[in-house]
Amino acid sequence: MPSASPKSERGLDWFTFLVADIQTGFGPFLAIYLTTQKWNQADIGLILAVGSLAGLLSQLPGGWLVDAAPSKRRVAIIAVAGIGLSALLIAVAPNFIGILSAKLLHVASSSILGPPVRAITLGLVGHAAVGPRLGRNARFGSIGNGVAAGVMGAIGYMISPQAVFFVT
């Protein structure tokens, strides 16, 4: 039965905290940013709806991809890079095609990110301790979401809504 070192446990804590941070840059911040870019409500709603539908449809193939990948850590790294790239694309290309592409990249990357985090968690602590460890992951993710929302909200207010995506 695997036993995780305190260093590995802290590493996973920080990873789940920081992943929540980068994913918080989307959602309400995207709608606010697009409003400042003079987008109308219909176009914003279309982007958000397409993103939600694509997120739903990408979960099953995303899981298959993760299952087939020999390195779950590499998949997680690629997914995090995809989320970062989508945030950068939102900041630099606020046109319909740029935002749609960024939103699709974000939801695909997010759909791929969850399974390797759970696989890494299972490999780190084993079956007997996976339940409490997943709860700990959720706790650090929630803390990360709260911290990121506050920091990004302050950045959006004090600097610009676009700055939120550069920070992400």
Foldseek 3Di string as FASTA:
>chain_A
DAAADPVVLVVLLVVLLVVLLLVLLDDPLLVVQLVVVVDDPVLVVVLVVVLVVLLVVLQVVLLVVCVPDPDLVVLLVVLSVLSLVLLVLCLPPVDSVSNSVSSNSNSNSVSNNPVSSLVVLCVRHNDVCSVVSVVSSVVSSVVSSVVSVVVLVVCCVPPNSSVSSVVD
